[in-house]
Amino acid sequence: MSSPFDNDHMHSAKKFRENSEKMMSDYKDWKESIQEESVFDNKMRELLGLAAAAATQCQFCVHTHGQKAIKHGATEKEVSDVIQIASQVRAGATMSYGLEALEHSED
């Protein structure tokens, strides 16, 4: 899996962290508290993160959660299954959202 984290991205991320120290510290604390209190093990948490990342089309999140899920023991089948679930959610949301167009129909 090639990394989306090129030099430009990493430079921008560094500038953001430098300009957002308090927010980044709060975010890190919040993230750690979620992990500490979670009923899910690391593998399941990363698989859930991967599904959410795929559904929201976050390339960087897909890369990170995919690598971490595999590191924590996720199989190719498990990764494939969560991607399929994310695809179903995305497709369902698209159809549901699109139905609003029919609300204006005269039929």
PDB file of N, CA and C in Angstrom:
ATOM      1  N   MET A   1       0.857  -1.171   0.000  1.00  0.00           N
ATOM      2  CA  MET A   1       0.000   0.000   0.000  1.00  0.00           C
ATOM      3  C   MET A   1       0.902   1.233   0.000  1.00  0.00           C
ATOM      4  N   SER A   2       0.799   2.031  -1.035  1.00  0.00           N
ATOM      5  CA  SER A   2       1.600   3.252  -1.078  1.00  0.00           C
ATOM      6  C   SER A   2       1.009   4.281  -0.115  1.00  0.00           C
ATOM      7  N   SER A   3       1.864   5.123   0.388  1.00  0.00           N
ATOM      8  CA  SER A   3       1.452   6.098   1.391  1.00  0.00           C
ATOM      9  C   SER A   3       0.974   7.397   0.751  1.00  0.00           C
ATOM     10  N   PRO A   4      -0.150   7.931   1.231  1.00  0.00           N
ATOM     11  CA  PRO A   4      -0.606   9.239   0.747  1.00  0.00           C
ATOM     12  C   PRO A   4       0.120  10.389   1.449  1.00  0.00           C
ATOM     13  N   PHE A   5       0.982  10.045   2.395  1.00  0.00           N
ATOM     14  CA  PHE A   5       1.645  11.056   3.204  1.00  0.00           C
ATOM     15  C   PHE A   5       2.938  11.522   2.535  1.00  0.00           C
ATOM     16  N   ASP A   6       2.815  12.343   1.488  1.00  0.00           N
ATOM     17  CA  ASP A   6       3.999  12.849   0.798  1.00  0.00           C
ATOM     18  C   ASP A   6       4.590  14.029   1.580  1.00  0.00           C
ATOM     19  N   ASN A   7       5.715  14.547   1.095  1.00  0.00           N
ATOM     20  CA  ASN A   7       6.411  15.629   1.799  1.00  0.00           C
ATOM     21  C   ASN A   7       5.548  16.872   1.971  1.00  0.00           C
ATOM     22  N   ASP A   8       4.767  17.222   0.949  1.00  0.00           N
ATOM     23  CA  ASP A   8       3.901  18.404   1.053  1.00  0.00           C
ATOM     24  C   ASP A   8       2.872  18.225   2.163  1.00  0.00           C
ATOM     25  N   HIS A   9       2.273  17.036   2.205  1.00  0.00           N
ATOM     26  CA  HIS A   9       1.269  16.769   3.238  1.00  0.00           C
ATOM     27  C   HIS A   9       1.905  16.839   4.626  1.00  0.00           C
ATOM     28  N   MET A  10       3.054  16.204   4.780  1.00  0.00           N
ATOM     29  CA  MET A  10       3.712  16.180   6.081  1.00  0.00           C
ATOM     30  C   MET A  10       4.130  17.590   6.516  1.00  0.00           C
ATOM     31  N   HIS A  11       4.570  18.413   5.573  1.00  0.00           N
ATOM     32  CA  HIS A  11       4.945  19.796   5.884  1.00  0.00           C
ATOM     33  C   HIS A  11       3.711  20.589   6.338  1.00  0.00           C
ATOM     34  N   SER A  12       2.611  20.409   5.640  1.00  0.00           N
ATOM     35  CA  SER A  12       1.369  21.098   6.013  1.00  0.00           C
ATOM     36  C   SER A  12       0.881  20.627   7.376  1.00  0.00           C
ATOM     37  N   ALA A  13       0.974  19.330   7.629  1.00  0.00           N
ATOM     38  CA  ALA A  13       0.547  18.783   8.919  1.00  0.00           C
ATOM     39  C   ALA A  13       1.388  19.358  10.055  1.00  0.00           C
ATOM     40  N   LYS A  14       2.684  19.500   9.826  1.00  0.00           N
ATOM     41  CA  LYS A  14       3.576  20.080  10.841  1.00  0.00           C
ATOM     42  C   LYS A  14       3.172  21.521  11.142  1.00  0.00           C
ATOM     43  N   LYS A  15       2.909  22.304  10.103  1.00  0.00           N
ATOM     44  CA  LYS A  15       2.485  23.701  10.306  1.00  0.00           C
ATOM     45  C   LYS A  15       1.170  23.754  11.086  1.00  0.00           C
ATOM     46  N   PHE A  16       0.242  22.866  10.735  1.00  0.00           N
ATOM     47  CA  PHE A  16      -1.045  22.836  11.423  1.00  0.00           C
ATOM     48  C   PHE A  16      -0.850  22.522  12.907  1.00  0.00           C
ATOM     49  N   ARG A  17      -0.041  21.501  13.203  1.00  0.00           N
ATOM     50  CA  ARG A  17       0.209  21.137  14.604  1.00  0.00           C
ATOM     51  C   ARG A  17       0.831  22.300  15.376  1.00  0.00           C
ATOM     52  N   GLU A  18       1.766  22.992  14.748  1.00  0.00           N
ATOM     53  CA  GLU A  18       2.425  24.130  15.400  1.00  0.00           C
ATOM     54  C   GLU A  18       1.440  25.259  15.690  1.00  0.00           C
ATOM     55  N   ASN A  19       0.465  25.442  14.837  1.00  0.00           N
ATOM     56  CA  ASN A  19      -0.514  26.521  14.993  1.00  0.00           C
ATOM     57  C   ASN A  19      -1.753  26.108  15.771  1.00  0.00           C
ATOM     58  N   SER A  20      -1.810  24.838  16.168  1.00  0.00           N
ATOM     59  CA  SER A  20      -3.009  24.322  16.830  1.00  0.00           C
ATOM     60  C   SER A  20      -2.638  23.443  18.021  1.00  0.00           C
ATOM     61  N   GLU A  21      -1.636  23.860  18.782  1.00  0.00           N
ATOM     62  CA  GLU A  21      -1.113  23.011  19.854  1.00  0.00           C
ATOM     63  C   GLU A  21      -2.176  22.604  20.870  1.00  0.00           C
ATOM     64  N   LYS A  22      -2.978  23.530  21.337  1.00  0.00           N
ATOM     65  CA  LYS A  22      -4.001  23.221  22.353  1.00  0.00           C
ATOM     66  C   LYS A  22      -5.027  22.249  21.798  1.00  0.00           C
ATOM     67  N   MET A  23      -5.521  22.528  20.606  1.00  0.00           N
ATOM     68  CA  MET A  23      -6.516  21.654  19.999  1.00  0.00           C
ATOM     69  C   MET A  23      -5.939  20.256  19.780  1.00  0.00           C
ATOM     70  N   MET A  24      -4.704  20.173  19.308  1.00  0.00           N
ATOM     71  CA  MET A  24      -4.087  18.871  19.055  1.00  0.00           C
ATOM     72  C   MET A  24      -3.892  18.096  20.356  1.00  0.00           C
ATOM     73  N   SER A  25      -3.533  18.790  21.423  1.00  0.00           N
ATOM     74  CA  SER A  25      -3.381  18.150  22.724  1.00  0.00           C
ATOM     75  C   SER A  25      -4.723  17.622  23.223  1.00  0.00           C
ATOM     76  N   ASP A  26      -5.762  18.445  23.099  1.00  0.00           N
ATOM     77  CA  ASP A  26      -7.108  18.025  23.505  1.00  0.00           C
ATOM     78  C   ASP A  26      -7.590  16.846  22.666  1.00  0.00           C
ATOM     79  N   TYR A  27      -7.321  16.893  21.371  1.00  0.00           N
ATOM     80  CA  TYR A  27      -7.724  15.804  20.474  1.00  0.00           C
ATOM     81  C   TYR A  27      -7.026  14.505  20.869  1.00  0.00           C
ATOM     82  N   LYS A  28      -5.740  14.579  21.143  1.00  0.00           N
ATOM     83  CA  LYS A  28      -4.981  13.387  21.541  1.00  0.00           C
ATOM     84  C   LYS A  28      -5.554  12.804  22.830  1.00  0.00           C
ATOM     85  N   ASP A  29      -5.837  13.660  23.819  1.00  0.00           N
ATOM     86  CA  ASP A  29      -6.414  13.199  25.084  1.00  0.00           C
ATOM     87  C   ASP A  29      -7.773  12.545  24.862  1.00  0.00           C
ATOM     88  N   TRP A  30      -8.610  13.167  24.034  1.00  0.00           N
ATOM     89  CA  TRP A  30      -9.942  12.633  23.732  1.00  0.00           C
ATOM     90  C   TRP A  30      -9.830  11.270  23.068  1.00  0.00           C
ATOM     91  N   LYS A  31      -8.946  11.171  22.079  1.00  0.00           N
ATOM     92  CA  LYS A  31      -8.746   9.919  21.348  1.00  0.00           C
ATOM     93  C   LYS A  31      -8.265   8.810  22.290  1.00  0.00           C
ATOM     94  N   GLU A  32      -7.334   9.136  23.160  1.00  0.00           N
ATOM     95  CA  GLU A  32      -6.820   8.144  24.106  1.00  0.00           C
ATOM     96  C   GLU A  32      -7.896   7.698  25.081  1.00  0.00           C
ATOM     97  N   SER A  33      -8.754   8.618  25.525  1.00  0.00           N
ATOM     98  CA  SER A  33      -9.817   8.240  26.463  1.00  0.00           C
ATOM     99  C   SER A  33     -10.827   7.309  25.801  1.00  0.00           C
ATOM    100  N   ILE A  34     -11.104   7.532  24.527  1.00  0.00           N
ATOM    101  CA  ILE A  34     -12.007   6.637  23.801  1.00  0.00           C
ATOM    102  C   ILE A  34     -11.403   5.243  23.728  1.00  0.00           C
ATOM    103  N   GLN A  35     -10.122   5.164  23.423  1.00  0.00           N
ATOM    104  CA  GLN A  35      -9.457   3.868  23.311  1.00  0.00           C
ATOM    105  C   GLN A  35      -9.416   3.144  24.647  1.00  0.00           C
ATOM    106  N   GLU A  36      -9.168   3.871  25.723  1.00  0.00           N
ATOM    107  CA  GLU A  36      -9.100   3.268  27.053  1.00  0.00           C
ATOM    108  C   GLU A  36     -10.452   2.728  27.503  1.00  0.00           C
ATOM    109  N   GLU A  37     -11.525   3.412  27.142  1.00  0.00           N
ATOM    110  CA  GLU A  37     -12.860   3.038  27.594  1.00  0.00           C
ATOM    111  C   GLU A  37     -13.585   2.112  26.627  1.00  0.00           C
ATOM    112  N   SER A  38     -12.996   1.820  25.500  1.00  0.00           N
ATOM    113  CA  SER A  38     -13.664   1.042  24.458  1.00  0.00           C
ATOM    114  C   SER A  38     -13.855  -0.418  24.862  1.00  0.00           C
ATOM    115  N   VAL A  39     -14.992  -0.976  24.475  1.00  0.00           N
ATOM    116  CA  VAL A  39     -15.229  -2.408  24.678  1.00  0.00           C
ATOM    117  C   VAL A  39     -14.594  -3.225  23.556  1.00  0.00           C
ATOM    118  N   PHE A  40     -14.110  -2.557  22.516  1.00  0.00           N
ATOM    119  CA  PHE A  40     -13.526  -3.246  21.366  1.00  0.00           C
ATOM    120  C   PHE A  40     -12.020  -3.394  21.534  1.00  0.00           C
ATOM    121  N   ASP A  41     -11.508  -4.523  21.047  1.00  0.00           N
ATOM    122  CA  ASP A  41     -10.057  -4.690  21.049  1.00  0.00           C
ATOM    123  C   ASP A  41      -9.462  -3.851  19.918  1.00  0.00           C
ATOM    124  N   ASN A  42      -8.130  -3.774  19.883  1.00  0.00           N
ATOM    125  CA  ASN A  42      -7.458  -2.926  18.898  1.00  0.00           C
ATOM    126  C   ASN A  42      -7.819  -3.293  17.464  1.00  0.00           C
ATOM    127  N   LYS A  43      -7.873  -4.582  17.166  1.00  0.00           N
ATOM    128  CA  LYS A  43      -8.186  -5.005  15.797  1.00  0.00           C
ATOM    129  C   LYS A  43      -9.579  -4.529  15.392  1.00  0.00           C
ATOM    130  N   MET A  44     -10.564  -4.760  16.240  1.00  0.00           N
ATOM    131  CA  MET A  44     -11.936  -4.365  15.904  1.00  0.00           C
ATOM    132  C   MET A  44     -12.059  -2.851  15.805  1.00  0.00           C
ATOM    133  N   ARG A  45     -11.390  -2.133  16.697  1.00  0.00           N
ATOM    134  CA  ARG A  45     -11.450  -0.669  16.656  1.00  0.00           C
ATOM    135  C   ARG A  45     -10.874  -0.146  15.337  1.00  0.00           C
ATOM    136  N   GLU A  46      -9.773  -0.745  14.878  1.00  0.00           N
ATOM    137  CA  GLU A  46      -9.178  -0.314  13.610  1.00  0.00           C
ATOM    138  C   GLU A  46     -10.041  -0.724  12.422  1.00  0.00           C
ATOM    139  N   LEU A  47     -10.685  -1.887  12.496  1.00  0.00           N
ATOM    140  CA  LEU A  47     -11.599  -2.285  11.419  1.00  0.00           C
ATOM    141  C   LEU A  47     -12.788  -1.331  11.343  1.00  0.00           C
ATOM    142  N   LEU A  48     -13.311  -0.940  12.491  1.00  0.00           N
ATOM    143  CA  LEU A  48     -14.409   0.036  12.512  1.00  0.00           C
ATOM    144  C   LEU A  48     -13.937   1.380  11.962  1.00  0.00           C
ATOM    145  N   GLY A  49     -12.732   1.780  12.337  1.00  0.00           N
ATOM    146  CA  GLY A  49     -12.161   3.014  11.804  1.00  0.00           C
ATOM    147  C   GLY A  49     -11.986   2.946  10.300  1.00  0.00           C
ATOM    148  N   LEU A  50     -11.554   1.780   9.813  1.00  0.00           N
ATOM    149  CA  LEU A  50     -11.386   1.587   8.374  1.00  0.00           C
ATOM    150  C   LEU A  50     -12.722   1.700   7.649  1.00  0.00           C
ATOM    151  N   ALA A  51     -13.759   1.091   8.205  1.00  0.00           N
ATOM    152  CA  ALA A  51     -15.082   1.170   7.579  1.00  0.00           C
ATOM    153  C   ALA A  51     -15.564   2.619   7.516  1.00  0.00           C
ATOM    154  N   ALA A  52     -15.417   3.341   8.615  1.00  0.00           N
ATOM    155  CA  ALA A  52     -15.836   4.747   8.632  1.00  0.00           C
ATOM    156  C   ALA A  52     -15.004   5.570   7.660  1.00  0.00           C
ATOM    157  N   ALA A  53     -13.709   5.304   7.616  1.00  0.00           N
ATOM    158  CA  ALA A  53     -12.818   6.043   6.712  1.00  0.00           C
ATOM    159  C   ALA A  53     -13.167   5.790   5.254  1.00  0.00           C
ATOM    160  N   ALA A  54     -13.467   4.539   4.931  1.00  0.00           N
ATOM    161  CA  ALA A  54     -13.826   4.209   3.550  1.00  0.00           C
ATOM    162  C   ALA A  54     -15.151   4.871   3.174  1.00  0.00           C
ATOM    163  N   ALA A  55     -16.121   4.831   4.085  1.00  0.00           N
ATOM    164  CA  ALA A  55     -17.432   5.418   3.794  1.00  0.00           C
ATOM    165  C   ALA A  55     -17.351   6.933   3.630  1.00  0.00           C
ATOM    166  N   THR A  56     -16.468   7.570   4.381  1.00  0.00           N
ATOM    167  CA  THR A  56     -16.336   9.023   4.286  1.00  0.00           C
ATOM    168  C   THR A  56     -15.258   9.448   3.295  1.00  0.00           C
ATOM    169  N   GLN A  57     -14.636   8.472   2.674  1.00  0.00           N
ATOM    170  CA  GLN A  57     -13.631   8.672   1.622  1.00  0.00           C
ATOM    171  C   GLN A  57     -12.436   9.490   2.104  1.00  0.00           C
ATOM    172  N   CYS A  58     -11.930   9.135   3.274  1.00  0.00           N
ATOM    173  CA  CYS A  58     -10.730   9.780   3.811  1.00  0.00           C
ATOM    174  C   CYS A  58      -9.518   8.913   3.466  1.00  0.00           C
ATOM    175  N   GLN A  59      -8.803   9.299   2.431  1.00  0.00           N
ATOM    176  CA  GLN A  59      -7.657   8.525   1.946  1.00  0.00           C
ATOM    177  C   GLN A  59      -6.620   8.297   3.045  1.00  0.00           C
ATOM    178  N   PHE A  60      -6.326   9.320   3.805  1.00  0.00           N
ATOM    179  CA  PHE A  60      -5.316   9.219   4.849  1.00  0.00           C
ATOM    180  C   PHE A  60      -5.790   8.291   5.964  1.00  0.00           C
ATOM    181  N   CYS A  61      -7.066   8.374   6.304  1.00  0.00           N
ATOM    182  CA  CYS A  61      -7.630   7.524   7.352  1.00  0.00           C
ATOM    183  C   CYS A  61      -7.673   6.066   6.906  1.00  0.00           C
ATOM    184  N   VAL A  62      -8.035   5.828   5.646  1.00  0.00           N
ATOM    185  CA  VAL A  62      -8.049   4.460   5.114  1.00  0.00           C
ATOM    186  C   VAL A  62      -6.652   3.867   5.219  1.00  0.00           C
ATOM    187  N   HIS A  63      -5.663   4.635   4.817  1.00  0.00           N
ATOM    188  CA  HIS A  63      -4.276   4.162   4.861  1.00  0.00           C
ATOM    189  C   HIS A  63      -3.883   3.795   6.295  1.00  0.00           C
ATOM    190  N   THR A  64      -4.124   4.707   7.221  1.00  0.00           N
ATOM    191  CA  THR A  64      -3.711   4.507   8.611  1.00  0.00           C
ATOM    192  C   THR A  64      -4.471   3.368   9.276  1.00  0.00           C
ATOM    193  N   HIS A  65      -5.803   3.380   9.188  1.00  0.00           N
ATOM    194  CA  HIS A  65      -6.594   2.339   9.852  1.00  0.00           C
ATOM    195  C   HIS A  65      -6.393   0.976   9.188  1.00  0.00           C
ATOM    196  N   GLY A  66      -6.196   0.961   7.876  1.00  0.00           N
ATOM    197  CA  GLY A  66      -5.924  -0.304   7.192  1.00  0.00           C
ATOM    198  C   GLY A  66      -4.632  -0.930   7.677  1.00  0.00           C
ATOM    199  N   GLN A  67      -3.571  -0.144   7.747  1.00  0.00           N
ATOM    200  CA  GLN A  67      -2.287  -0.657   8.239  1.00  0.00           C
ATOM    201  C   GLN A  67      -2.391  -1.124   9.685  1.00  0.00           C
ATOM    202  N   LYS A  68      -3.049  -0.321  10.517  1.00  0.00           N
ATOM    203  CA  LYS A  68      -3.168  -0.685  11.933  1.00  0.00           C
ATOM    204  C   LYS A  68      -4.029  -1.932  12.121  1.00  0.00           C
ATOM    205  N   ALA A  69      -5.098  -2.069  11.335  1.00  0.00           N
ATOM    206  CA  ALA A  69      -5.949  -3.258  11.443  1.00  0.00           C
ATOM    207  C   ALA A  69      -5.140  -4.512  11.135  1.00  0.00           C
ATOM    208  N   ILE A  70      -4.358  -4.463  10.073  1.00  0.00           N
ATOM    209  CA  ILE A  70      -3.529  -5.612   9.698  1.00  0.00           C
ATOM    210  C   ILE A  70      -2.468  -5.867  10.765  1.00  0.00           C
ATOM    211  N   LYS A  71      -1.871  -4.804  11.284  1.00  0.00           N
ATOM    212  CA  LYS A  71      -0.871  -4.943  12.353  1.00  0.00           C
ATOM    213  C   LYS A  71      -1.470  -5.641  13.569  1.00  0.00           C
ATOM    214  N   HIS A  72      -2.744  -5.373  13.848  1.00  0.00           N
ATOM    215  CA  HIS A  72      -3.411  -5.969  15.004  1.00  0.00           C
ATOM    216  C   HIS A  72      -4.069  -7.312  14.678  1.00  0.00           C
ATOM    217  N   GLY A  73      -3.754  -7.869  13.508  1.00  0.00           N
ATOM    218  CA  GLY A  73      -4.188  -9.228  13.205  1.00  0.00           C
ATOM    219  C   GLY A  73      -5.373  -9.375  12.278  1.00  0.00           C
ATOM    220  N   ALA A  74      -5.861  -8.296  11.694  1.00  0.00           N
ATOM    221  CA  ALA A  74      -6.992  -8.409  10.760  1.00  0.00           C
ATOM    222  C   ALA A  74      -6.551  -9.175   9.517  1.00  0.00           C
ATOM    223  N   THR A  75      -7.429 -10.030   9.050  1.00  0.00           N
ATOM    224  CA  THR A  75      -7.154 -10.798   7.838  1.00  0.00           C
ATOM    225  C   THR A  75      -7.601 -10.005   6.612  1.00  0.00           C
ATOM    226  N   GLU A  76      -7.153 -10.449   5.449  1.00  0.00           N
ATOM    227  CA  GLU A  76      -7.604  -9.813   4.205  1.00  0.00           C
ATOM    228  C   GLU A  76      -9.112  -9.935   4.073  1.00  0.00           C
ATOM    229  N   LYS A  77      -9.674 -11.046   4.511  1.00  0.00           N
ATOM    230  CA  LYS A  77     -11.126 -11.255   4.441  1.00  0.00           C
ATOM    231  C   LYS A  77     -11.847 -10.250   5.340  1.00  0.00           C
ATOM    232  N   GLU A  78     -11.336 -10.033   6.549  1.00  0.00           N
ATOM    233  CA  GLU A  78     -11.965  -9.063   7.449  1.00  0.00           C
ATOM    234  C   GLU A  78     -11.891  -7.648   6.879  1.00  0.00           C
ATOM    235  N   VAL A  79     -10.742  -7.289   6.325  1.00  0.00           N
ATOM    236  CA  VAL A  79     -10.595  -5.968   5.707  1.00  0.00           C
ATOM    237  C   VAL A  79     -11.561  -5.834   4.537  1.00  0.00           C
ATOM    238  N   SER A  80     -11.644  -6.871   3.713  1.00  0.00           N
ATOM    239  CA  SER A  80     -12.570  -6.847   2.568  1.00  0.00           C
ATOM    240  C   SER A  80     -14.013  -6.715   3.026  1.00  0.00           C
ATOM    241  N   ASP A  81     -14.376  -7.435   4.085  1.00  0.00           N
ATOM    242  CA  ASP A  81     -15.750  -7.376   4.588  1.00  0.00           C
ATOM    243  C   ASP A  81     -16.116  -5.979   5.081  1.00  0.00           C
ATOM    244  N   VAL A  82     -15.209  -5.323   5.828  1.00  0.00           N
ATOM    245  CA  VAL A  82     -15.568  -3.986   6.318  1.00  0.00           C
ATOM    246  C   VAL A  82     -15.642  -2.977   5.178  1.00  0.00           C
ATOM    247  N   ILE A  83     -14.840  -3.179   4.134  1.00  0.00           N
ATOM    248  CA  ILE A  83     -14.941  -2.294   2.966  1.00  0.00           C
ATOM    249  C   ILE A  83     -16.284  -2.506   2.272  1.00  0.00           C
ATOM    250  N   GLN A  84     -16.731  -3.761   2.197  1.00  0.00           N
ATOM    251  CA  GLN A  84     -18.041  -4.034   1.598  1.00  0.00           C
ATOM    252  C   GLN A  84     -19.163  -3.405   2.425  1.00  0.00           C
ATOM    253  N   ILE A  85     -19.057  -3.509   3.744  1.00  0.00           N
ATOM    254  CA  ILE A  85     -20.069  -2.903   4.614  1.00  0.00           C
ATOM    255  C   ILE A  85     -20.086  -1.389   4.426  1.00  0.00           C
ATOM    256  N   ALA A  86     -18.906  -0.779   4.378  1.00  0.00           N
ATOM    257  CA  ALA A  86     -18.822   0.670   4.156  1.00  0.00           C
ATOM    258  C   ALA A  86     -19.433   1.042   2.814  1.00  0.00           C
ATOM    259  N   SER A  87     -19.199   0.218   1.803  1.00  0.00           N
ATOM    260  CA  SER A  87     -19.768   0.469   0.471  1.00  0.00           C
ATOM    261  C   SER A  87     -21.288   0.419   0.513  1.00  0.00           C
ATOM    262  N   GLN A  88     -21.824  -0.540   1.262  1.00  0.00           N
ATOM    263  CA  GLN A  88     -23.279  -0.657   1.386  1.00  0.00           C
ATOM    264  C   GLN A  88     -23.860   0.574   2.069  1.00  0.00           C
ATOM    265  N   VAL A  89     -23.201   1.025   3.120  1.00  0.00           N
ATOM    266  CA  VAL A  89     -23.670   2.213   3.838  1.00  0.00           C
ATOM    267  C   VAL A  89     -23.642   3.429   2.920  1.00  0.00           C
ATOM    268  N   ARG A  90     -22.540   3.585   2.205  1.00  0.00           N
ATOM    269  CA  ARG A  90     -22.400   4.736   1.295  1.00  0.00           C
ATOM    270  C   ARG A  90     -23.459   4.688   0.193  1.00  0.00           C
ATOM    271  N   ALA A  91     -23.661   3.507  -0.381  1.00  0.00           N
ATOM    272  CA  ALA A  91     -24.660   3.369  -1.451  1.00  0.00           C
ATOM    273  C   ALA A  91     -26.068   3.628  -0.919  1.00  0.00           C
ATOM    274  N   GLY A  92     -26.368   3.082   0.255  1.00  0.00           N
ATOM    275  CA  GLY A  92     -27.683   3.291   0.849  1.00  0.00           C
ATOM    276  C   GLY A  92     -27.939   4.751   1.157  1.00  0.00           C
ATOM    277  N   ALA A  93     -26.923   5.415   1.676  1.00  0.00           N
ATOM    278  CA  ALA A  93     -27.066   6.838   1.983  1.00  0.00           C
ATOM    279  C   ALA A  93     -27.282   7.652   0.716  1.00  0.00           C
ATOM    280  N   THR A  94     -26.584   7.292  -0.350  1.00  0.00           N
ATOM    281  CA  THR A  94     -26.740   7.996  -1.621  1.00  0.00           C
ATOM    282  C   THR A  94     -28.161   7.833  -2.148  1.00  0.00           C
ATOM    283  N   MET A  95     -28.679   6.605  -2.091  1.00  0.00           N
ATOM    284  CA  MET A  95     -30.053   6.376  -2.559  1.00  0.00           C
ATOM    285  C   MET A  95     -31.052   7.133  -1.701  1.00  0.00           C
ATOM    286  N   SER A  96     -30.904   7.038  -0.379  1.00  0.00           N
ATOM    287  CA  SER A  96     -31.832   7.722   0.522  1.00  0.00           C
ATOM    288  C   SER A  96     -31.814   9.225   0.305  1.00  0.00           C
ATOM    289  N   TYR A  97     -30.626   9.776   0.163  1.00  0.00           N
ATOM    290  CA  TYR A  97     -30.486  11.208  -0.052  1.00  0.00           C
ATOM    291  C   TYR A  97     -31.085  11.609  -1.394  1.00  0.00           C
ATOM    292  N   GLY A  98     -30.849  10.788  -2.398  1.00  0.00           N
ATOM    293  CA  GLY A  98     -31.355  11.067  -3.735  1.00  0.00           C
ATOM    294  C   GLY A  98     -32.865  11.009  -3.844  1.00  0.00           C
ATOM    295  N   LEU A  99     -33.517  10.270  -2.949  1.00  0.00           N
ATOM    296  CA  LEU A  99     -34.974  10.167  -2.984  1.00  0.00           C
ATOM    297  C   LEU A  99     -35.660  11.514  -2.808  1.00  0.00           C
ATOM    298  N   GLU A 100     -34.960  12.458  -2.216  1.00  0.00           N
ATOM    299  CA  GLU A 100     -35.544  13.789  -2.052  1.00  0.00           C
ATOM    300  C   GLU A 100     -35.936  14.395  -3.393  1.00  0.00           C
ATOM    301  N   ALA A 101     -35.230  14.019  -4.450  1.00  0.00           N
ATOM    302  CA  ALA A 101     -35.558  14.541  -5.780  1.00  0.00           C
ATOM    303  C   ALA A 101     -36.955  14.109  -6.207  1.00  0.00           C
ATOM    304  N   LEU A 102     -37.374  12.927  -5.776  1.00  0.00           N
ATOM    305  CA  LEU A 102     -38.698  12.426  -6.151  1.00  0.00           C
ATOM    306  C   LEU A 102     -39.822  13.100  -5.365  1.00  0.00           C
ATOM    307  N   GLU A 103     -39.483  13.748  -4.273  1.00  0.00           N
ATOM    308  CA  GLU A 103     -40.503  14.438  -3.491  1.00  0.00           C
ATOM    309  C   GLU A 103     -41.138  15.575  -4.280  1.00  0.00           C
ATOM    310  N   HIS A 104     -40.456  16.031  -5.306  1.00  0.00           N
ATOM    311  CA  HIS A 104     -40.955  17.139  -6.119  1.00  0.00           C
ATOM    312  C   HIS A 104     -41.663  16.650  -7.381  1.00  0.00           C
ATOM    313  N   SER A 105     -41.822  15.347  -7.483  1.00  0.00           N
ATOM    314  CA  SER A 105     -42.449  14.757  -8.666  1.00  0.00           C
ATOM    315  C   SER A 105     -43.959  14.968  -8.624  1.00  0.00           C
ATOM    316  N   GLU A 106     -44.549  15.134  -9.781  1.00  0.00           N
ATOM    317  CA  GLU A 106     -45.999  15.320  -9.892  1.00  0.00           C
ATOM    318  C   GLU A 106     -46.738  13.989  -9.890  1.00  0.00           C
ATOM    319  N   ASP A 107     -46.037  12.881 -10.134  1.00  0.00           N
ATOM    320  CA  ASP A 107     -46.705  11.564 -10.239  1.00  0.00           C
ATOM    321  C   ASP A 107     -47.174  11.050  -8.917  1.00  0.00           C
TER     322      ASP A 107
END
